[in-house]
PDB file of N, CA and C in Angstrom:
ATOM      1  N   UNK A   1     -12.169 -14.975 -16.498  1.00  0.00           N
ATOM      2  CA  UNK A   1     -11.388 -14.493 -14.800  1.00  0.00           C
ATOM      3  C   UNK A   1     -11.220 -13.131 -15.458  1.00  0.00           C
ATOM      4  N   UNK A   2     -10.857 -11.323 -14.773  1.00  0.00           N
ATOM      5  CA  UNK A   2     -10.880 -10.676 -15.983  1.00  0.00           C
ATOM      6  C   UNK A   2      -9.569  -9.642 -15.613  1.00  0.00           C
ATOM      7  N   UNK A   3      -8.516  -8.630 -16.418  1.00  0.00           N
ATOM      8  CA  UNK A   3      -7.274  -8.011 -15.717  1.00  0.00           C
ATOM      9  C   UNK A   3      -7.835  -7.085 -15.501  1.00  0.00           C
ATOM     10  N   UNK A   4      -7.482  -6.419 -14.715  1.00  0.00           N
ATOM     11  CA  UNK A   4      -7.806  -5.283 -14.032  1.00  0.00           C
ATOM     12  C   UNK A   4      -7.433  -3.962 -13.539  1.00  0.00           C
ATOM     13  N   UNK A   5      -6.841  -2.718 -14.772  1.00  0.00           N
ATOM     14  CA  UNK A   5      -5.931  -2.224 -14.841  1.00  0.00           C
ATOM     15  C   UNK A   5      -5.908  -1.207 -13.774  1.00  0.00           C
ATOM     16  N   UNK A   6      -4.827  -2.316 -13.002  1.00  0.00           N
ATOM     17  CA  UNK A   6      -4.178  -1.025 -11.333  1.00  0.00           C
ATOM     18  C   UNK A   6      -3.418  -2.196 -10.835  1.00  0.00           C
ATOM     19  N   UNK A   7      -2.015  -2.302 -10.693  1.00  0.00           N
ATOM     20  CA  UNK A   7      -0.855  -3.135  -9.710  1.00  0.00           C
ATOM     21  C   UNK A   7      -1.861  -2.862  -7.906  1.00  0.00           C
ATOM     22  N   UNK A   8      -1.448  -3.982  -8.165  1.00  0.00           N
ATOM     23  CA  UNK A   8      -1.635  -4.181  -5.980  1.00  0.00           C
ATOM     24  C   UNK A   8      -0.163  -3.819  -5.230  1.00  0.00           C
ATOM     25  N   UNK A   9      -0.055  -3.508  -4.261  1.00  0.00           N
ATOM     26  CA  UNK A   9       0.900  -2.709  -2.990  1.00  0.00           C
ATOM     27  C   UNK A   9       0.402  -3.897  -1.709  1.00  0.00           C
ATOM     28  N   UNK A  10       1.436  -4.775  -1.978  1.00  0.00           N
ATOM     29  CA  UNK A  10       1.477  -5.353  -0.431  1.00  0.00           C
ATOM     30  C   UNK A  10       2.121  -5.434   0.105  1.00  0.00           C
ATOM     31  N   UNK A  11       1.103  -4.911   1.161  1.00  0.00           N
ATOM     32  CA  UNK A  11       2.294  -4.445   3.128  1.00  0.00           C
ATOM     33  C   UNK A  11       2.593  -5.205   3.761  1.00  0.00           C
ATOM     34  N   UNK A  12       3.955  -4.764   4.825  1.00  0.00           N
ATOM     35  CA  UNK A  12       3.550  -6.765   4.940  1.00  0.00           C
ATOM     36  C   UNK A  12       4.032  -6.115   6.685  1.00  0.00           C
ATOM     37  N   UNK A  13       3.966  -5.778   7.487  1.00  0.00           N
ATOM     38  CA  UNK A  13       4.277  -4.822   8.712  1.00  0.00           C
ATOM     39  C   UNK A  13       4.935  -5.867   9.617  1.00  0.00           C
ATOM     40  N   UNK A  14       6.143  -5.740   9.582  1.00  0.00           N
ATOM     41  CA  UNK A  14       7.478  -6.111  10.305  1.00  0.00           C
ATOM     42  C   UNK A  14       7.685  -5.224  12.400  1.00  0.00           C
ATOM     43  N   UNK A  15       8.142  -6.176  12.845  1.00  0.00           N
ATOM     44  CA  UNK A  15       8.704  -5.940  13.965  1.00  0.00           C
ATOM     45  C   UNK A  15       8.280  -4.497  14.137  1.00  0.00           C
ATOM     46  N   UNK A  16       9.329  -3.746  14.491  1.00  0.00           N
ATOM     47  CA  UNK A  16       9.243  -2.608  15.188  1.00  0.00           C
ATOM     48  C   UNK A  16       7.917  -2.022  14.239  1.00  0.00           C
ATOM     49  N   UNK A  17      -1.729  -0.380   1.065  1.00  0.00           N
ATOM     50  CA  UNK A  17      -2.966   0.319   0.945  1.00  0.00           C
ATOM     51  C   UNK A  17      -3.135  -0.365  -0.221  1.00  0.00           C
ATOM     52  N   UNK A  18      -5.047   0.157  -3.499  1.00  0.00           N
ATOM     53  CA  UNK A  18      -4.550  -0.522  -4.896  1.00  0.00           C
ATOM     54  C   UNK A  18      -3.644   0.334  -5.402  1.00  0.00           C
ATOM     55  N   UNK A  19      -2.874   0.635  -6.594  1.00  0.00           N
ATOM     56  CA  UNK A  19      -2.626   2.338  -7.019  1.00  0.00           C
ATOM     57  C   UNK A  19      -3.323   1.454  -8.277  1.00  0.00           C
ATOM     58  N   UNK A  20      -2.513   3.057  -9.104  1.00  0.00           N
ATOM     59  CA  UNK A  20      -2.624   3.006 -10.335  1.00  0.00           C
ATOM     60  C   UNK A  20      -1.521   2.134 -11.225  1.00  0.00           C
ATOM     61  N   UNK A  21      -2.111   1.965 -12.940  1.00  0.00           N
ATOM     62  CA  UNK A  21      -0.929   0.559 -12.994  1.00  0.00           C
ATOM     63  C   UNK A  21       0.796   1.429 -12.849  1.00  0.00           C
ATOM     64  N   UNK A  22       1.854   0.195 -13.117  1.00  0.00           N
ATOM     65  CA  UNK A  22       2.899   0.633 -13.513  1.00  0.00           C
ATOM     66  C   UNK A  22       3.384  -0.285 -14.496  1.00  0.00           C
ATOM     67  N   UNK A  23       4.170   1.069 -15.292  1.00  0.00           N
ATOM     68  CA  UNK A  23       5.334   0.032 -16.157  1.00  0.00           C
ATOM     69  C   UNK A  23       6.913  -0.408 -15.458  1.00  0.00           C
ATOM     70  N   UNK A  24       7.662   0.045 -14.528  1.00  0.00           N
ATOM     71  CA  UNK A  24       9.263   0.127 -14.205  1.00  0.00           C
ATOM     72  C   UNK A  24       9.185   0.662 -13.752  1.00  0.00           C
ATOM     73  N   UNK A  25      10.034   0.452 -12.780  1.00  0.00           N
ATOM     74  CA  UNK A  25      10.837   0.734 -11.457  1.00  0.00           C
ATOM     75  C   UNK A  25      10.408   1.867 -10.866  1.00  0.00           C
ATOM     76  N   UNK A  26      10.220   2.688 -11.518  1.00  0.00           N
ATOM     77  CA  UNK A  26      10.605   4.199 -11.594  1.00  0.00           C
ATOM     78  C   UNK A  26       9.859   4.932 -10.731  1.00  0.00           C
ATOM     79  N   UNK A  27       8.241   3.761 -12.226  1.00  0.00           N
ATOM     80  CA  UNK A  27       7.594   4.538 -11.139  1.00  0.00           C
ATOM     81  C   UNK A  27       7.199   3.864  -9.520  1.00  0.00           C
ATOM     82  N   UNK A  28       7.284   2.727  -9.335  1.00  0.00           N
ATOM     83  CA  UNK A  28       7.810   1.537  -8.296  1.00  0.00           C
ATOM     84  C   UNK A  28       7.651   3.101  -7.243  1.00  0.00           C
ATOM     85  N   UNK A  29       8.827   3.149  -7.208  1.00  0.00           N
ATOM     86  CA  UNK A  29       9.684   3.970  -6.533  1.00  0.00           C
ATOM     87  C   UNK A  29       8.338   5.717  -5.581  1.00  0.00           C
ATOM     88  N   UNK A  30       8.249   6.183  -7.010  1.00  0.00           N
ATOM     89  CA  UNK A  30       7.545   7.042  -7.616  1.00  0.00           C
ATOM     90  C   UNK A  30       5.431   6.903  -6.736  1.00  0.00           C
ATOM     91  N   UNK A  31       5.139   6.192  -7.411  1.00  0.00           N
ATOM     92  CA  UNK A  31       4.422   5.629  -6.747  1.00  0.00           C
ATOM     93  C   UNK A  31       4.560   5.144  -5.053  1.00  0.00           C
ATOM     94  N   UNK A  32       5.286   4.736  -4.280  1.00  0.00           N
ATOM     95  CA  UNK A  32       5.491   4.508  -3.010  1.00  0.00           C
ATOM     96  C   UNK A  32       6.410   5.459  -2.421  1.00  0.00           C
ATOM     97  N   UNK A  33       6.502   6.386  -2.840  1.00  0.00           N
ATOM     98  CA  UNK A  33       6.586   8.113  -2.828  1.00  0.00           C
ATOM     99  C   UNK A  33       5.741   9.620  -1.788  1.00  0.00           C
ATOM    100  N   UNK A  34       5.060   8.197  -3.430  1.00  0.00           N
ATOM    101  CA  UNK A  34       3.460   9.130  -3.359  1.00  0.00           C
ATOM    102  C   UNK A  34       3.183   9.299  -1.698  1.00  0.00           C
ATOM    103  N   UNK A  35       2.517   8.028  -1.851  1.00  0.00           N
ATOM    104  CA  UNK A  35       1.377   7.080  -1.694  1.00  0.00           C
ATOM    105  C   UNK A  35       1.979   6.466   0.266  1.00  0.00           C
ATOM    106  N   UNK A  36       2.813   6.969   0.768  1.00  0.00           N
ATOM    107  CA  UNK A  36       3.581   5.640   1.268  1.00  0.00           C
ATOM    108  C   UNK A  36       2.710   6.258   2.775  1.00  0.00           C
ATOM    109  N   UNK A  37       2.507   7.710   3.047  1.00  0.00           N
ATOM    110  CA  UNK A  37       2.839   8.292   4.142  1.00  0.00           C
ATOM    111  C   UNK A  37       1.445   8.101   4.877  1.00  0.00           C
ATOM    112  N   UNK A  38       0.413   7.993   3.785  1.00  0.00           N
ATOM    113  CA  UNK A  38      -1.470   7.250   3.398  1.00  0.00           C
ATOM    114  C   UNK A  38      -0.867   6.466   3.735  1.00  0.00           C
ATOM    115  N   UNK A  39      -0.685   5.512   2.852  1.00  0.00           N
ATOM    116  CA  UNK A  39      -0.240   3.812   3.652  1.00  0.00           C
ATOM    117  C   UNK A  39      -0.749   4.142   5.552  1.00  0.00           C
ATOM    118  N   UNK A  40       0.798   4.828   5.284  1.00  0.00           N
ATOM    119  CA  UNK A  40       1.739   4.305   6.488  1.00  0.00           C
ATOM    120  C   UNK A  40       0.414   4.414   8.048  1.00  0.00           C
ATOM    121  N   UNK A  41      -0.216   5.357   7.390  1.00  0.00           N
ATOM    122  CA  UNK A  41      -1.192   6.207   8.904  1.00  0.00           C
ATOM    123  C   UNK A  41      -2.152   5.077   8.961  1.00  0.00           C
ATOM    124  N   UNK A  42      -2.452   5.223   7.515  1.00  0.00           N
ATOM    125  CA  UNK A  42      -4.121   3.973   7.651  1.00  0.00           C
ATOM    126  C   UNK A  42      -3.423   2.121   8.839  1.00  0.00           C
ATOM    127  N   UNK A  43      -2.373   1.591   8.529  1.00  0.00           N
ATOM    128  CA  UNK A  43      -2.297   0.475   9.292  1.00  0.00           C
ATOM    129  C   UNK A  43      -2.010   0.692  10.307  1.00  0.00           C
ATOM    130  N   UNK A  44      -1.452   2.106  10.359  1.00  0.00           N
ATOM    131  CA  UNK A  44      -1.331   2.746  12.150  1.00  0.00           C
ATOM    132  C   UNK A  44      -2.091   2.589  12.481  1.00  0.00           C
ATOM    133  N   UNK A  45      -3.383   3.205  12.020  1.00  0.00           N
ATOM    134  CA  UNK A  45      -4.306   3.878  12.934  1.00  0.00           C
ATOM    135  C   UNK A  45      -5.628   2.149  12.637  1.00  0.00           C
ATOM    136  N   UNK A  46      -4.674   1.054  12.459  1.00  0.00           N
ATOM    137  CA  UNK A  46      -5.674  -0.245  12.308  1.00  0.00           C
ATOM    138  C   UNK A  46      -4.906  -1.114  13.315  1.00  0.00           C
ATOM    139  N   UNK A  47      -4.027  -0.956  14.179  1.00  0.00           N
ATOM    140  CA  UNK A  47      -3.338  -1.254  14.765  1.00  0.00           C
ATOM    141  C   UNK A  47      -3.995  -0.836  16.445  1.00  0.00           C
ATOM    142  N   UNK A  48      -3.729   0.897  15.952  1.00  0.00           N
ATOM    143  CA  UNK A  48      -3.601   2.840  17.069  1.00  0.00           C
ATOM    144  C   UNK A  48      -3.428   3.188  16.994  1.00  0.00           C
ATOM    145  N   UNK A  49      -5.048   3.206  17.410  1.00  0.00           N
ATOM    146  CA  UNK A  49      -6.501   4.719  17.049  1.00  0.00           C
ATOM    147  C   UNK A  49      -5.470   5.453  18.487  1.00  0.00           C
ATOM    148  N   UNK A  50      -4.519   5.432  19.205  1.00  0.00           N
ATOM    149  CA  UNK A  50      -3.643   6.072  19.890  1.00  0.00           C
ATOM    150  C   UNK A  50      -2.560   7.272  19.929  1.00  0.00           C
ATOM    151  N   UNK A  51      -2.728   8.216  18.527  1.00  0.00           N
ATOM    152  CA  UNK A  51      -1.564   8.581  17.699  1.00  0.00           C
ATOM    153  C   UNK A  51      -0.976   9.813  18.499  1.00  0.00           C
ATOM    154  N   UNK A  52      -0.856   9.468  20.215  1.00  0.00           N
ATOM    155  CA  UNK A  52      -0.105   9.641  20.601  1.00  0.00           C
ATOM    156  C   UNK A  52       1.648   8.695  21.009  1.00  0.00           C
ATOM    157  N   UNK A  53       1.049   7.440  20.581  1.00  0.00           N
ATOM    158  CA  UNK A  53       1.445   5.949  20.004  1.00  0.00           C
ATOM    159  C   UNK A  53       2.401   6.104  19.278  1.00  0.00           C
ATOM    160  N   UNK A  54       2.248   6.480  17.729  1.00  0.00           N
ATOM    161  CA  UNK A  54       2.162   6.218  16.779  1.00  0.00           C
ATOM    162  C   UNK A  54       3.983   6.693  16.641  1.00  0.00           C
ATOM    163  N   UNK A  55       4.337   6.077  15.952  1.00  0.00           N
ATOM    164  CA  UNK A  55       5.927   7.214  15.511  1.00  0.00           C
ATOM    165  C   UNK A  55       6.672   8.144  15.598  1.00  0.00           C
ATOM    166  N   UNK A  56       6.668   9.443  16.313  1.00  0.00           N
ATOM    167  CA  UNK A  56       6.933  10.554  16.163  1.00  0.00           C
ATOM    168  C   UNK A  56       7.201  10.386  14.055  1.00  0.00           C
ATOM    169  N   UNK A  57       8.166   9.956  13.671  1.00  0.00           N
ATOM    170  CA  UNK A  57       9.192   9.877  12.753  1.00  0.00           C
ATOM    171  C   UNK A  57       8.157   8.764  11.460  1.00  0.00           C
ATOM    172  N   UNK A  58       7.918   9.893   9.924  1.00  0.00           N
ATOM    173  CA  UNK A  58       6.578   9.386   9.472  1.00  0.00           C
ATOM    174  C   UNK A  58       7.585   9.354   8.525  1.00  0.00           C
ATOM    175  N   UNK A  59       8.421   9.695   8.081  1.00  0.00           N
ATOM    176  CA  UNK A  59       9.251   9.342   6.312  1.00  0.00           C
ATOM    177  C   UNK A  59       8.823   7.770   5.711  1.00  0.00           C
ATOM    178  N   UNK A  60       9.709   8.401   4.578  1.00  0.00           N
ATOM    179  CA  UNK A  60      10.079   7.029   3.886  1.00  0.00           C
ATOM    180  C   UNK A  60      11.426   6.454   4.919  1.00  0.00           C
ATOM    181  N   UNK A  61      11.780   5.887   4.916  1.00  0.00           N
ATOM    182  CA  UNK A  61      12.809   5.736   5.792  1.00  0.00           C
ATOM    183  C   UNK A  61      12.477   4.553   6.783  1.00  0.00           C
ATOM    184  N   UNK A  62      11.560   5.084   7.719  1.00  0.00           N
ATOM    185  CA  UNK A  62      10.661   4.600   8.741  1.00  0.00           C
ATOM    186  C   UNK A  62       9.833   2.593   8.594  1.00  0.00           C
ATOM    187  N   UNK A  63       9.402   3.724   7.042  1.00  0.00           N
ATOM    188  CA  UNK A  63       7.785   3.652   6.585  1.00  0.00           C
ATOM    189  C   UNK A  63       8.438   1.780   6.595  1.00  0.00           C
ATOM    190  N   UNK A  64       9.688   1.685   5.982  1.00  0.00           N
ATOM    191  CA  UNK A  64      10.469   0.843   4.986  1.00  0.00           C
ATOM    192  C   UNK A  64      10.970   0.553   6.283  1.00  0.00           C
ATOM    193  N   UNK A  65      11.357   0.887   6.920  1.00  0.00           N
ATOM    194  CA  UNK A  65      12.050  -0.186   8.417  1.00  0.00           C
ATOM    195  C   UNK A  65      10.337  -1.327   9.294  1.00  0.00           C
ATOM    196  N   UNK A  66       9.837  -0.348   8.661  1.00  0.00           N
ATOM    197  CA  UNK A  66       7.913  -1.627   9.702  1.00  0.00           C
ATOM    198  C   UNK A  66       8.008  -2.091   8.200  1.00  0.00           C
ATOM    199  N   UNK A  67       7.802  -2.438   7.404  1.00  0.00           N
ATOM    200  CA  UNK A  67       6.510  -2.436   6.926  1.00  0.00           C
ATOM    201  C   UNK A  67       8.090  -3.037   5.138  1.00  0.00           C
ATOM    202  N   UNK A  68       7.269  -4.202   5.173  1.00  0.00           N
ATOM    203  CA  UNK A  68       8.107  -5.234   3.596  1.00  0.00           C
ATOM    204  C   UNK A  68       7.112  -4.608   2.662  1.00  0.00           C
ATOM    205  N   UNK A  69       7.934  -4.415   1.480  1.00  0.00           N
ATOM    206  CA  UNK A  69       6.388  -3.850   0.418  1.00  0.00           C
ATOM    207  C   UNK A  69       6.707  -4.701  -0.867  1.00  0.00           C
ATOM    208  N   UNK A  70       5.531  -4.462  -2.048  1.00  0.00           N
ATOM    209  CA  UNK A  70       5.839  -5.640  -2.681  1.00  0.00           C
ATOM    210  C   UNK A  70       5.320  -5.297  -3.367  1.00  0.00           C
ATOM    211  N   UNK A  71       5.102  -4.772  -4.581  1.00  0.00           N
ATOM    212  CA  UNK A  71       4.037  -4.510  -5.990  1.00  0.00           C
ATOM    213  C   UNK A  71       3.616  -5.556  -6.673  1.00  0.00           C
ATOM    214  N   UNK A  72       2.781  -6.053  -7.473  1.00  0.00           N
ATOM    215  CA  UNK A  72       2.880  -6.591  -8.986  1.00  0.00           C
ATOM    216  C   UNK A  72       2.301  -6.052  -9.606  1.00  0.00           C
ATOM    217  N   UNK A  73       2.093  -5.685 -10.613  1.00  0.00           N
ATOM    218  CA  UNK A  73       1.741  -4.990 -12.391  1.00  0.00           C
ATOM    219  C   UNK A  73       1.122  -5.344 -12.605  1.00  0.00           C
ATOM    220  N   UNK A  74       0.429  -6.901 -12.338  1.00  0.00           N
ATOM    221  CA  UNK A  74      -1.158  -7.142 -12.916  1.00  0.00           C
ATOM    222  C   UNK A  74      -2.085  -7.372 -11.892  1.00  0.00           C
ATOM    223  N   UNK A  75      -3.337  -7.981 -12.251  1.00  0.00           N
ATOM    224  CA  UNK A  75      -3.784  -7.980 -11.050  1.00  0.00           C
ATOM    225  C   UNK A  75      -5.460  -9.193 -11.545  1.00  0.00           C
ATOM    226  N   UNK A  76      -6.019  -9.722 -11.700  1.00  0.00           N
ATOM    227  CA  UNK A  76      -6.521 -11.035 -11.991  1.00  0.00           C
ATOM    228  C   UNK A  76      -7.480 -10.877 -11.150  1.00  0.00           C
ATOM    229  N   UNK A  77      -8.854 -10.115 -11.151  1.00  0.00           N
ATOM    230  CA  UNK A  77     -10.029 -10.811 -10.864  1.00  0.00           C
ATOM    231  C   UNK A  77     -11.270 -12.453 -11.607  1.00  0.00           C
ATOM    232  N   UNK A  78     -10.413 -12.712  -9.923  1.00  0.00           N
ATOM    233  CA  UNK A  78     -11.316 -14.028 -10.444  1.00  0.00           C
ATOM    234  C   UNK A  78     -12.457 -14.113  -9.863  1.00  0.00           C
ATOM    235  N   UNK A  79     -12.737 -13.075  -9.138  1.00  0.00           N
ATOM    236  CA  UNK A  79     -15.062 -13.442  -8.945  1.00  0.00           C
ATOM    237  C   UNK A  79     -15.639 -12.433 -10.694  1.00  0.00           C
ATOM    238  N   UNK A  80     -16.753 -12.978 -10.197  1.00  0.00           N
ATOM    239  CA  UNK A  80     -17.763 -12.516 -12.011  1.00  0.00           C
ATOM    240  C   UNK A  80     -18.849 -11.917 -11.451  1.00  0.00           C
ATOM    241  N   UNK A  81     -18.363 -10.672 -11.083  1.00  0.00           N
ATOM    242  CA  UNK A  81     -19.032  -9.369 -10.261  1.00  0.00           C
ATOM    243  C   UNK A  81     -18.182  -8.643 -10.216  1.00  0.00           C
ATOM    244  N   UNK A  82     -19.732  -7.056 -10.512  1.00  0.00           N
ATOM    245  CA  UNK A  82     -18.371  -6.222 -10.373  1.00  0.00           C
ATOM    246  C   UNK A  82     -17.711  -5.662  -9.261  1.00  0.00           C
ATOM    247  N   UNK A  83     -16.560  -4.885  -9.504  1.00  0.00           N
ATOM    248  CA  UNK A  83     -15.822  -4.372  -8.057  1.00  0.00           C
ATOM    249  C   UNK A  83     -16.972  -3.201  -7.450  1.00  0.00           C
ATOM    250  N   UNK A  84     -16.893  -3.345  -5.995  1.00  0.00           N
ATOM    251  CA  UNK A  84     -17.216  -2.574  -5.731  1.00  0.00           C
ATOM    252  C   UNK A  84     -16.575  -1.082  -4.592  1.00  0.00           C
ATOM    253  N   UNK A  85     -15.979  -0.896  -4.191  1.00  0.00           N
ATOM    254  CA  UNK A  85     -16.019  -0.074  -3.502  1.00  0.00           C
ATOM    255  C   UNK A  85     -16.590   0.322  -1.854  1.00  0.00           C
ATOM    256  N   UNK A  86     -14.985   0.226  -0.941  1.00  0.00           N
ATOM    257  CA  UNK A  86     -15.660  -0.157   0.637  1.00  0.00           C
ATOM    258  C   UNK A  86     -16.495   0.977   0.594  1.00  0.00           C
ATOM    259  N   UNK A  87     -16.692   1.152   2.183  1.00  0.00           N
ATOM    260  CA  UNK A  87     -16.967   2.264   2.278  1.00  0.00           C
ATOM    261  C   UNK A  87     -16.432   2.932   3.656  1.00  0.00           C
TER     262      UNK A  87
END
């Protein structure tokens, strides 16, 4: 088992994406602010291909209304194979 030098962000859709390693809560908030728009649009694209049906307001407040966010500072790789990026 290897520890991967990455943090993970788990996004769970409410009713209405691996990150760099972080050290404390202020860095978690920084990473969320930096990446929420990209994550929001990727999640929406997975559910609705018609962008006209997406919420017009896609700010951090709306993101937090639509998704639960859970940070983990340690990720363990349990597979004994190289990590590969998906295409």
